[in-house]
């Protein structure tokens, strides 16, 4: 499949930027509080990777967990998402913790390795999941964690279980199925 067609396929499936207002709300924080969801998986001083970060809802929660000595690399293929994130952190202490990365559909453009990776409600948007999951694995430190979360409303259980099997076929080890509201979730060790 040509690169242009791959890019078009990827962009047809991503969450549109006009929905960003719904991703960073008080109600969402009550349902999906990032610090509560990831406490115990992410530690101070670590590097966390938020793939498909959108306008940064989980990025900011991860930043609170990694603290001033940690890093959060926020990756998205939509330039509007990265621009919104840059605008939010500009002039704040978060500029030293959060590192936005605009990505294209050819792969994860991250050079450093991470202790924790998150794909929250986005893996179903990726056309070639095996390649994508292998790219995640390639940027992870040994004994790191990958947290996969998919929305029940968009991803039937059968499709989610197929994603879990793809991750396992990439050498990721399923260690838990955390309870995440309105979602299906799997935690892997790399």
N, C-alpha and C. Protein backbone atom coordinates (compact mmCIF):
# COMPACT_ATOMS: atom_id res chain seq x y z
N UNK A 1 0.85 -1.17 0.00
CA UNK A 1 0.00 0.00 0.00
C UNK A 1 0.90 1.24 0.00
N UNK A 2 0.63 2.19 -0.85
CA UNK A 2 1.45 3.39 -0.94
C UNK A 2 1.34 4.25 0.30
N UNK A 3 2.39 5.08 0.52
CA UNK A 3 2.44 5.93 1.71
C UNK A 3 1.26 6.90 1.75
N UNK A 4 0.93 7.50 0.59
CA UNK A 4 -0.19 8.44 0.56
C UNK A 4 -1.49 7.74 0.96
N UNK A 5 -1.73 6.57 0.41
CA UNK A 5 -2.95 5.83 0.76
C UNK A 5 -2.95 5.47 2.25
N UNK A 6 -1.79 5.04 2.78
CA UNK A 6 -1.69 4.72 4.21
C UNK A 6 -2.03 5.94 5.05
N UNK A 7 -1.49 7.10 4.65
CA UNK A 7 -1.75 8.33 5.39
C UNK A 7 -3.23 8.66 5.34
N UNK A 8 -3.84 8.53 4.17
CA UNK A 8 -5.27 8.82 4.04
C UNK A 8 -6.09 7.88 4.90
N UNK A 9 -5.75 6.60 4.89
CA UNK A 9 -6.47 5.64 5.72
C UNK A 9 -6.36 6.00 7.19
N UNK A 10 -5.16 6.34 7.62
CA UNK A 10 -4.94 6.69 9.01
C UNK A 10 -5.77 7.91 9.38
N UNK A 11 -5.77 8.93 8.54
CA UNK A 11 -6.46 10.16 8.87
C UNK A 11 -7.97 10.01 8.80
N UNK A 12 -8.48 9.05 8.03
CA UNK A 12 -9.92 8.80 7.99
C UNK A 12 -10.42 8.27 9.33
N UNK A 13 -9.55 7.60 10.08
CA UNK A 13 -9.97 6.92 11.29
C UNK A 13 -9.66 7.66 12.58
N UNK A 14 -8.92 8.74 12.54
CA UNK A 14 -8.55 9.41 13.78
C UNK A 14 -9.69 10.28 14.29
N UNK A 15 -9.68 10.48 15.60
CA UNK A 15 -10.66 11.34 16.24
C UNK A 15 -10.51 12.76 15.68
N UNK A 16 -11.57 13.36 15.15
CA UNK A 16 -11.44 14.69 14.57
C UNK A 16 -11.14 15.76 15.61
N UNK A 17 -10.36 16.75 15.19
CA UNK A 17 -9.93 17.80 16.13
C UNK A 17 -11.10 18.62 16.67
N UNK A 18 -12.22 18.66 15.95
CA UNK A 18 -13.35 19.44 16.47
C UNK A 18 -13.97 18.79 17.71
N UNK A 19 -13.57 17.55 18.01
CA UNK A 19 -14.07 16.89 19.23
C UNK A 19 -13.16 17.10 20.44
N UNK A 20 -12.05 17.81 20.27
CA UNK A 20 -11.11 17.99 21.37
C UNK A 20 -11.74 18.60 22.61
N UNK A 21 -12.73 19.47 22.41
CA UNK A 21 -13.37 20.11 23.57
C UNK A 21 -13.93 19.06 24.53
N UNK A 22 -14.34 17.92 24.01
CA UNK A 22 -14.95 16.89 24.85
C UNK A 22 -13.92 16.01 25.56
N UNK A 23 -12.65 16.15 25.21
CA UNK A 23 -11.62 15.28 25.77
C UNK A 23 -11.00 15.81 27.06
N UNK A 24 -11.11 17.10 27.31
CA UNK A 24 -10.49 17.70 28.50
C UNK A 24 -11.56 18.37 29.35
N UNK A 25 -12.40 17.59 29.98
CA UNK A 25 -13.49 18.15 30.78
C UNK A 25 -13.42 17.65 32.22
N UNK A 26 -14.11 18.37 33.07
CA UNK A 26 -14.20 17.98 34.48
C UNK A 26 -14.87 16.60 34.59
N UNK A 27 -15.90 16.38 33.80
CA UNK A 27 -16.62 15.10 33.84
C UNK A 27 -15.68 13.96 33.43
N UNK A 28 -14.89 14.18 32.41
CA UNK A 28 -13.97 13.12 31.99
C UNK A 28 -12.96 12.82 33.09
N UNK A 29 -12.52 13.85 33.80
CA UNK A 29 -11.57 13.61 34.88
C UNK A 29 -12.21 12.76 35.98
N UNK A 30 -13.50 12.91 36.19
CA UNK A 30 -14.20 12.09 37.18
C UNK A 30 -14.30 10.63 36.71
N UNK A 31 -14.41 10.43 35.42
CA UNK A 31 -14.54 9.08 34.87
C UNK A 31 -13.17 8.43 34.65
N UNK A 32 -12.23 9.21 34.11
CA UNK A 32 -10.90 8.68 33.77
C UNK A 32 -9.80 9.54 34.38
N UNK A 33 -9.73 9.59 35.69
CA UNK A 33 -8.70 10.37 36.35
C UNK A 33 -7.34 9.73 36.08
N UNK A 34 -6.48 10.42 35.29
CA UNK A 34 -5.21 9.80 34.90
C UNK A 34 -4.32 9.40 36.08
N UNK A 35 -4.27 10.24 37.10
CA UNK A 35 -3.39 9.91 38.22
C UNK A 35 -3.88 8.67 38.97
N UNK A 36 -5.19 8.50 39.09
CA UNK A 36 -5.72 7.29 39.74
C UNK A 36 -5.53 6.07 38.85
N UNK A 37 -5.75 6.23 37.53
CA UNK A 37 -5.63 5.10 36.61
C UNK A 37 -4.20 4.55 36.53
N UNK A 38 -3.21 5.45 36.57
CA UNK A 38 -1.85 5.02 36.29
C UNK A 38 -0.94 4.99 37.52
N UNK A 39 -1.44 5.41 38.67
CA UNK A 39 -0.65 5.31 39.90
C UNK A 39 -0.37 3.83 40.15
N UNK A 40 0.84 3.54 40.47
CA UNK A 40 1.25 2.14 40.65
C UNK A 40 1.91 1.58 39.40
N UNK A 41 1.69 2.22 38.26
CA UNK A 41 2.32 1.80 37.01
C UNK A 41 3.41 2.79 36.58
N UNK A 42 3.23 4.06 36.96
CA UNK A 42 4.15 5.12 36.57
C UNK A 42 4.73 5.72 37.84
N UNK A 43 6.05 5.86 37.85
CA UNK A 43 6.73 6.37 39.04
C UNK A 43 7.46 7.68 38.75
N UNK A 44 7.72 8.40 39.81
CA UNK A 44 8.45 9.65 39.71
C UNK A 44 9.81 9.40 39.05
N UNK A 45 10.19 10.30 38.15
CA UNK A 45 11.47 10.22 37.46
C UNK A 45 11.47 9.37 36.21
N UNK A 46 10.37 8.69 35.92
CA UNK A 46 10.31 7.83 34.74
C UNK A 46 9.99 8.64 33.48
N UNK A 47 10.11 7.96 32.34
CA UNK A 47 9.70 8.52 31.06
C UNK A 47 8.45 7.78 30.62
N UNK A 48 7.39 8.54 30.38
CA UNK A 48 6.11 7.98 29.93
C UNK A 48 5.85 8.45 28.50
N UNK A 49 5.25 7.58 27.74
CA UNK A 49 4.93 7.85 26.34
C UNK A 49 3.41 7.83 26.19
N UNK A 50 2.83 8.97 25.80
CA UNK A 50 1.39 9.09 25.59
C UNK A 50 1.16 9.15 24.08
N UNK A 51 0.82 8.01 23.50
CA UNK A 51 0.68 7.90 22.04
C UNK A 51 -0.78 8.14 21.66
N UNK A 52 -0.98 9.09 20.75
CA UNK A 52 -2.33 9.51 20.41
C UNK A 52 -2.84 10.45 21.48
N UNK A 53 -1.97 11.36 21.90
CA UNK A 53 -2.22 12.20 23.08
C UNK A 53 -3.36 13.19 22.91
N UNK A 54 -3.76 13.49 21.67
CA UNK A 54 -4.78 14.51 21.48
C UNK A 54 -4.35 15.81 22.13
N UNK A 55 -5.28 16.54 22.75
CA UNK A 55 -4.92 17.81 23.38
C UNK A 55 -4.28 17.67 24.76
N UNK A 56 -3.97 16.43 25.19
CA UNK A 56 -3.14 16.26 26.38
C UNK A 56 -3.82 15.85 27.67
N UNK A 57 -5.03 15.36 27.63
CA UNK A 57 -5.73 14.99 28.86
C UNK A 57 -4.90 14.04 29.72
N UNK A 58 -4.44 12.94 29.14
CA UNK A 58 -3.64 11.98 29.90
C UNK A 58 -2.20 12.44 30.06
N UNK A 59 -1.73 13.24 29.14
CA UNK A 59 -0.37 13.78 29.21
C UNK A 59 -0.16 14.52 30.52
N UNK A 60 -1.11 15.37 30.89
CA UNK A 60 -0.97 16.17 32.10
C UNK A 60 -1.02 15.31 33.36
N UNK A 61 -1.87 14.30 33.36
CA UNK A 61 -1.91 13.38 34.50
C UNK A 61 -0.62 12.60 34.63
N UNK A 62 -0.08 12.15 33.50
CA UNK A 62 1.20 11.43 33.52
C UNK A 62 2.32 12.35 34.01
N UNK A 63 2.26 13.63 33.61
CA UNK A 63 3.28 14.60 34.07
C UNK A 63 3.25 14.73 35.58
N UNK A 64 2.06 14.70 36.17
CA UNK A 64 1.96 14.76 37.63
C UNK A 64 2.60 13.55 38.29
N UNK A 65 2.52 12.40 37.65
CA UNK A 65 3.08 11.18 38.21
C UNK A 65 4.60 11.09 38.04
N UNK A 66 5.12 11.52 36.90
CA UNK A 66 6.58 11.42 36.69
C UNK A 66 7.31 12.55 37.41
N UNK A 67 6.61 13.64 37.71
CA UNK A 67 7.21 14.74 38.46
C UNK A 67 8.26 15.51 37.69
N UNK A 68 8.92 16.42 38.40
CA UNK A 68 9.90 17.32 37.79
C UNK A 68 11.12 16.61 37.22
N UNK A 69 11.41 15.42 37.70
CA UNK A 69 12.59 14.68 37.21
C UNK A 69 12.24 13.71 36.09
N UNK A 70 10.96 13.61 35.76
CA UNK A 70 10.53 12.69 34.71
C UNK A 70 10.23 13.40 33.42
N UNK A 71 9.80 12.62 32.45
CA UNK A 71 9.45 13.15 31.13
C UNK A 71 8.19 12.47 30.63
N UNK A 72 7.37 13.23 29.92
CA UNK A 72 6.23 12.67 29.20
C UNK A 72 6.40 13.07 27.74
N UNK A 73 6.51 12.08 26.89
CA UNK A 73 6.60 12.32 25.46
C UNK A 73 5.19 12.12 24.90
N UNK A 74 4.61 13.20 24.40
CA UNK A 74 3.24 13.21 23.90
C UNK A 74 3.26 13.18 22.38
N UNK A 75 2.74 12.11 21.79
CA UNK A 75 2.83 11.88 20.36
C UNK A 75 1.43 11.89 19.74
N UNK A 76 1.31 12.58 18.61
CA UNK A 76 0.05 12.54 17.86
C UNK A 76 0.33 12.81 16.39
N UNK A 77 -0.51 12.22 15.51
CA UNK A 77 -0.35 12.47 14.08
C UNK A 77 -1.08 13.74 13.64
N UNK A 78 -1.90 14.28 14.51
CA UNK A 78 -2.63 15.50 14.15
C UNK A 78 -1.86 16.72 14.67
N UNK A 79 -1.46 17.56 13.74
CA UNK A 79 -0.71 18.76 14.11
C UNK A 79 -1.52 19.66 15.03
N UNK A 80 -2.84 19.72 14.84
CA UNK A 80 -3.69 20.55 15.71
C UNK A 80 -3.59 20.10 17.17
N UNK A 81 -3.49 18.80 17.38
CA UNK A 81 -3.37 18.28 18.74
C UNK A 81 -2.06 18.73 19.37
N UNK A 82 -0.98 18.57 18.62
CA UNK A 82 0.34 18.96 19.13
C UNK A 82 0.40 20.47 19.35
N UNK A 83 -0.15 21.25 18.42
CA UNK A 83 -0.18 22.71 18.58
C UNK A 83 -0.95 23.12 19.83
N UNK A 84 -2.09 22.46 20.07
CA UNK A 84 -2.89 22.76 21.27
C UNK A 84 -2.10 22.43 22.53
N UNK A 85 -1.41 21.32 22.52
CA UNK A 85 -0.61 20.91 23.67
C UNK A 85 0.54 21.89 23.92
N UNK A 86 1.23 22.29 22.87
CA UNK A 86 2.33 23.25 23.00
C UNK A 86 1.80 24.56 23.60
N UNK A 87 0.66 24.99 23.13
CA UNK A 87 0.06 26.24 23.64
C UNK A 87 -0.26 26.13 25.14
N UNK A 88 -0.75 24.96 25.56
CA UNK A 88 -1.10 24.77 26.97
C UNK A 88 0.11 24.76 27.90
N UNK A 89 1.22 24.23 27.43
CA UNK A 89 2.39 24.12 28.32
C UNK A 89 3.32 25.32 28.24
N UNK A 90 3.17 26.13 27.20
CA UNK A 90 4.07 27.28 27.00
C UNK A 90 4.08 28.19 28.23
N UNK A 91 5.27 28.48 28.71
CA UNK A 91 5.42 29.38 29.85
C UNK A 91 5.15 28.74 31.20
N UNK A 92 4.97 27.43 31.24
CA UNK A 92 4.72 26.74 32.51
C UNK A 92 5.88 25.79 32.81
N UNK A 93 5.89 25.27 34.02
CA UNK A 93 6.89 24.28 34.41
C UNK A 93 6.79 23.00 33.57
N UNK A 94 5.62 22.78 32.97
CA UNK A 94 5.43 21.58 32.16
C UNK A 94 6.31 21.55 30.92
N UNK A 95 6.84 22.69 30.50
CA UNK A 95 7.76 22.71 29.35
C UNK A 95 9.01 21.87 29.62
N UNK A 96 9.34 21.68 30.89
CA UNK A 96 10.52 20.89 31.26
C UNK A 96 10.19 19.40 31.41
N UNK A 97 8.90 19.07 31.37
CA UNK A 97 8.46 17.69 31.59
C UNK A 97 7.81 17.09 30.36
N UNK A 98 6.98 17.87 29.66
CA UNK A 98 6.19 17.39 28.52
C UNK A 98 6.89 17.76 27.22
N UNK A 99 7.07 16.76 26.36
CA UNK A 99 7.74 16.95 25.08
C UNK A 99 6.81 16.49 23.96
N UNK A 100 6.10 17.44 23.33
CA UNK A 100 5.18 17.09 22.23
C UNK A 100 5.95 16.68 20.97
N UNK A 101 5.45 15.63 20.31
CA UNK A 101 6.07 15.13 19.08
C UNK A 101 4.97 14.97 18.03
N UNK A 102 5.10 15.72 16.94
CA UNK A 102 4.18 15.53 15.81
C UNK A 102 4.72 14.37 14.99
N UNK A 103 3.88 13.44 14.72
CA UNK A 103 4.22 12.19 14.07
C UNK A 103 3.51 12.12 12.74
N UNK A 104 4.06 11.40 11.79
CA UNK A 104 3.27 11.09 10.61
C UNK A 104 2.86 9.62 10.72
N UNK A 105 2.16 9.14 9.73
CA UNK A 105 1.63 7.77 9.83
C UNK A 105 2.69 6.71 9.54
N UNK A 106 3.94 7.12 9.25
CA UNK A 106 4.96 6.13 8.93
C UNK A 106 5.55 5.45 10.16
N UNK A 107 5.34 6.00 11.34
CA UNK A 107 5.88 5.36 12.53
C UNK A 107 5.97 6.30 13.70
N UNK A 108 6.34 5.74 14.83
CA UNK A 108 6.47 6.53 16.06
C UNK A 108 7.83 7.22 16.02
N UNK A 109 7.82 8.53 15.97
CA UNK A 109 9.06 9.33 15.82
C UNK A 109 9.68 9.66 17.16
N UNK A 110 9.97 8.67 17.94
CA UNK A 110 10.55 8.89 19.27
C UNK A 110 11.91 8.23 19.30
N UNK A 111 12.90 8.97 19.78
CA UNK A 111 14.27 8.47 19.81
C UNK A 111 14.65 7.84 21.15
N UNK A 112 14.09 8.35 22.24
CA UNK A 112 14.49 7.82 23.55
C UNK A 112 13.55 6.71 23.99
N UNK A 113 13.99 5.93 24.96
CA UNK A 113 13.19 4.80 25.43
C UNK A 113 12.33 5.23 26.62
N UNK A 114 11.25 4.48 26.81
CA UNK A 114 10.27 4.83 27.84
C UNK A 114 10.08 3.68 28.83
N UNK A 115 9.62 4.07 30.02
CA UNK A 115 9.29 3.10 31.08
C UNK A 115 7.82 2.68 31.01
N UNK A 116 7.00 3.54 30.39
CA UNK A 116 5.56 3.32 30.36
C UNK A 116 5.04 3.89 29.05
N UNK A 117 4.16 3.15 28.38
CA UNK A 117 3.51 3.65 27.16
C UNK A 117 2.01 3.47 27.29
N UNK A 118 1.28 4.44 26.77
CA UNK A 118 -0.18 4.44 26.83
C UNK A 118 -0.75 4.67 25.44
N UNK A 119 -1.73 3.84 25.08
CA UNK A 119 -2.60 4.15 23.95
C UNK A 119 -4.02 4.08 24.51
N UNK A 120 -4.63 5.22 24.65
CA UNK A 120 -5.97 5.29 25.26
C UNK A 120 -6.98 5.64 24.18
N UNK A 121 -7.86 4.69 23.90
CA UNK A 121 -8.94 4.84 22.93
C UNK A 121 -8.41 5.23 21.56
N UNK A 122 -7.31 4.61 21.13
CA UNK A 122 -6.80 4.96 19.81
C UNK A 122 -6.28 3.80 18.97
N UNK A 123 -5.93 2.67 19.55
CA UNK A 123 -5.34 1.59 18.77
C UNK A 123 -6.28 1.14 17.65
N UNK A 124 -7.58 1.17 17.89
CA UNK A 124 -8.54 0.76 16.86
C UNK A 124 -8.47 1.66 15.62
N UNK A 125 -7.85 2.84 15.74
CA UNK A 125 -7.72 3.76 14.61
C UNK A 125 -6.53 3.42 13.72
N UNK A 126 -5.66 2.52 14.16
CA UNK A 126 -4.43 2.20 13.44
C UNK A 126 -4.69 1.06 12.46
N UNK A 127 -4.41 1.28 11.17
CA UNK A 127 -4.66 0.22 10.19
C UNK A 127 -3.75 -1.01 10.35
N UNK A 128 -2.47 -0.81 10.62
CA UNK A 128 -1.52 -1.92 10.74
C UNK A 128 -1.08 -2.03 12.21
N UNK A 129 -1.89 -2.71 12.99
CA UNK A 129 -1.65 -2.79 14.43
C UNK A 129 -0.36 -3.52 14.78
N UNK A 130 -0.03 -4.57 14.06
CA UNK A 130 1.18 -5.33 14.38
C UNK A 130 2.43 -4.47 14.21
N UNK A 131 2.54 -3.76 13.12
CA UNK A 131 3.68 -2.87 12.90
C UNK A 131 3.73 -1.80 13.98
N UNK A 132 2.58 -1.22 14.27
CA UNK A 132 2.49 -0.17 15.28
C UNK A 132 2.92 -0.67 16.65
N UNK A 133 2.43 -1.83 17.06
CA UNK A 133 2.79 -2.39 18.37
C UNK A 133 4.26 -2.77 18.42
N UNK A 134 4.82 -3.23 17.32
CA UNK A 134 6.26 -3.50 17.28
C UNK A 134 7.06 -2.21 17.41
N UNK A 135 6.54 -1.11 16.86
CA UNK A 135 7.20 0.18 17.01
C UNK A 135 7.16 0.64 18.47
N UNK A 136 6.05 0.41 19.14
CA UNK A 136 5.98 0.74 20.56
C UNK A 136 7.01 -0.09 21.33
N UNK A 137 7.02 -1.38 21.08
CA UNK A 137 7.96 -2.26 21.78
C UNK A 137 9.41 -1.80 21.56
N UNK A 138 9.72 -1.31 20.36
CA UNK A 138 11.09 -0.90 20.04
C UNK A 138 11.55 0.31 20.83
N UNK A 139 10.62 1.12 21.34
CA UNK A 139 11.02 2.32 22.09
C UNK A 139 10.83 2.14 23.60
N UNK A 140 10.62 0.91 24.03
CA UNK A 140 10.40 0.63 25.44
C UNK A 140 11.64 0.03 26.09
N UNK A 141 11.88 0.41 27.33
CA UNK A 141 12.98 -0.15 28.11
C UNK A 141 12.62 -1.59 28.50
N UNK A 142 13.61 -2.41 28.80
CA UNK A 142 13.31 -3.75 29.31
C UNK A 142 12.50 -3.64 30.61
N UNK A 143 11.54 -4.52 30.77
CA UNK A 143 10.69 -4.58 31.96
C UNK A 143 9.76 -3.36 32.11
N UNK A 144 9.49 -2.69 30.99
CA UNK A 144 8.59 -1.54 31.01
C UNK A 144 7.14 -2.01 30.85
N UNK A 145 6.20 -1.06 30.93
CA UNK A 145 4.77 -1.38 30.86
C UNK A 145 4.10 -0.67 29.69
N UNK A 146 3.20 -1.39 29.04
CA UNK A 146 2.35 -0.82 27.99
C UNK A 146 0.90 -1.00 28.41
N UNK A 147 0.16 0.10 28.46
CA UNK A 147 -1.24 0.11 28.88
C UNK A 147 -2.11 0.38 27.66
N UNK A 148 -2.91 -0.58 27.29
CA UNK A 148 -3.82 -0.50 26.15
C UNK A 148 -5.23 -0.33 26.67
N UNK A 149 -5.92 0.73 26.22
CA UNK A 149 -7.30 0.96 26.63
C UNK A 149 -8.11 1.29 25.37
N UNK A 150 -9.24 0.61 25.21
CA UNK A 150 -10.13 0.84 24.07
C UNK A 150 -11.56 1.11 24.56
N UNK A 151 -12.31 1.92 23.82
CA UNK A 151 -13.68 2.23 24.23
C UNK A 151 -14.64 1.08 23.90
N UNK A 152 -15.45 0.70 24.87
CA UNK A 152 -16.43 -0.37 24.62
C UNK A 152 -17.39 0.00 23.51
N UNK A 153 -17.71 1.28 23.39
CA UNK A 153 -18.70 1.71 22.41
C UNK A 153 -18.21 1.53 20.97
N UNK A 154 -16.90 1.62 20.73
CA UNK A 154 -16.35 1.50 19.37
C UNK A 154 -15.69 0.16 19.10
N UNK A 155 -15.22 -0.51 20.15
CA UNK A 155 -14.41 -1.71 19.97
C UNK A 155 -15.09 -2.89 20.66
N UNK A 156 -15.70 -3.77 19.87
CA UNK A 156 -16.32 -4.95 20.46
C UNK A 156 -15.28 -5.84 21.14
N UNK A 157 -15.73 -6.67 22.06
CA UNK A 157 -14.81 -7.52 22.81
C UNK A 157 -13.95 -8.39 21.89
N UNK A 158 -14.55 -8.93 20.84
CA UNK A 158 -13.79 -9.78 19.91
C UNK A 158 -12.64 -9.00 19.29
N UNK A 159 -12.88 -7.77 18.87
CA UNK A 159 -11.83 -6.93 18.27
C UNK A 159 -10.74 -6.61 19.29
N UNK A 160 -11.16 -6.32 20.52
CA UNK A 160 -10.19 -6.03 21.56
C UNK A 160 -9.31 -7.24 21.84
N UNK A 161 -9.92 -8.41 21.92
CA UNK A 161 -9.14 -9.63 22.16
C UNK A 161 -8.17 -9.91 21.01
N UNK A 162 -8.55 -9.54 19.79
CA UNK A 162 -7.63 -9.66 18.66
C UNK A 162 -6.44 -8.72 18.84
N UNK A 163 -6.69 -7.49 19.33
CA UNK A 163 -5.60 -6.55 19.59
C UNK A 163 -4.66 -7.10 20.66
N UNK A 164 -5.24 -7.69 21.70
CA UNK A 164 -4.42 -8.28 22.77
C UNK A 164 -3.54 -9.39 22.19
N UNK A 165 -4.11 -10.21 21.33
CA UNK A 165 -3.33 -11.30 20.72
C UNK A 165 -2.23 -10.76 19.81
N UNK A 166 -2.50 -9.69 19.11
CA UNK A 166 -1.46 -9.08 18.28
C UNK A 166 -0.32 -8.59 19.16
N UNK A 167 -0.66 -7.93 20.27
CA UNK A 167 0.38 -7.46 21.20
C UNK A 167 1.20 -8.64 21.73
N UNK A 168 0.52 -9.71 22.07
CA UNK A 168 1.24 -10.90 22.56
C UNK A 168 2.14 -11.49 21.48
N UNK A 169 1.68 -11.46 20.23
CA UNK A 169 2.50 -11.98 19.13
C UNK A 169 3.74 -11.12 18.89
N UNK A 170 3.71 -9.88 19.38
CA UNK A 170 4.87 -8.98 19.28
C UNK A 170 5.84 -9.17 20.45
N UNK A 171 5.52 -10.10 21.35
CA UNK A 171 6.39 -10.38 22.48
C UNK A 171 6.01 -9.65 23.75
N UNK A 172 4.88 -8.99 23.75
CA UNK A 172 4.41 -8.33 24.97
C UNK A 172 3.71 -9.37 25.84
N UNK A 173 3.88 -9.28 27.15
CA UNK A 173 3.32 -10.26 28.08
C UNK A 173 2.15 -9.63 28.82
N UNK A 174 0.96 -10.18 28.66
CA UNK A 174 -0.23 -9.69 29.35
C UNK A 174 -0.09 -9.99 30.83
N UNK A 175 -0.15 -8.94 31.67
CA UNK A 175 0.00 -9.16 33.12
C UNK A 175 -1.24 -8.77 33.90
N UNK A 176 -2.16 -8.01 33.28
CA UNK A 176 -3.36 -7.59 34.02
C UNK A 176 -4.41 -7.09 33.03
N UNK A 177 -5.64 -7.10 33.49
CA UNK A 177 -6.76 -6.52 32.75
C UNK A 177 -7.44 -5.51 33.67
N UNK A 178 -6.83 -4.32 33.82
CA UNK A 178 -7.35 -3.32 34.76
C UNK A 178 -8.78 -2.90 34.42
N UNK A 179 -9.52 -2.54 35.46
CA UNK A 179 -10.88 -2.05 35.28
C UNK A 179 -10.84 -0.56 34.98
N UNK A 180 -11.24 -0.19 33.77
CA UNK A 180 -11.29 1.21 33.35
C UNK A 180 -12.71 1.47 32.86
N UNK A 181 -13.37 2.44 33.45
CA UNK A 181 -14.77 2.72 33.11
C UNK A 181 -14.97 2.92 31.61
N UNK A 182 -16.06 2.38 31.11
CA UNK A 182 -16.48 2.50 29.71
C UNK A 182 -15.48 1.92 28.72
N UNK A 183 -14.58 1.08 29.23
CA UNK A 183 -13.44 0.65 28.41
C UNK A 183 -13.12 -0.82 28.61
N UNK A 184 -12.29 -1.30 27.69
CA UNK A 184 -11.62 -2.59 27.81
C UNK A 184 -10.14 -2.26 27.94
N UNK A 185 -9.45 -2.91 28.86
CA UNK A 185 -8.05 -2.54 29.09
C UNK A 185 -7.18 -3.76 29.30
N UNK A 186 -5.92 -3.60 28.91
CA UNK A 186 -4.92 -4.65 29.10
C UNK A 186 -3.59 -3.99 29.44
N UNK A 187 -2.89 -4.58 30.39
CA UNK A 187 -1.57 -4.09 30.80
C UNK A 187 -0.55 -5.17 30.42
N UNK A 188 0.49 -4.74 29.71
CA UNK A 188 1.53 -5.65 29.23
C UNK A 188 2.87 -5.26 29.82
N UNK A 189 3.71 -6.27 30.02
CA UNK A 189 5.10 -6.04 30.35
C UNK A 189 5.91 -6.31 29.09
N UNK A 190 6.88 -5.45 28.85
CA UNK A 190 7.72 -5.58 27.66
C UNK A 190 8.97 -6.37 28.03
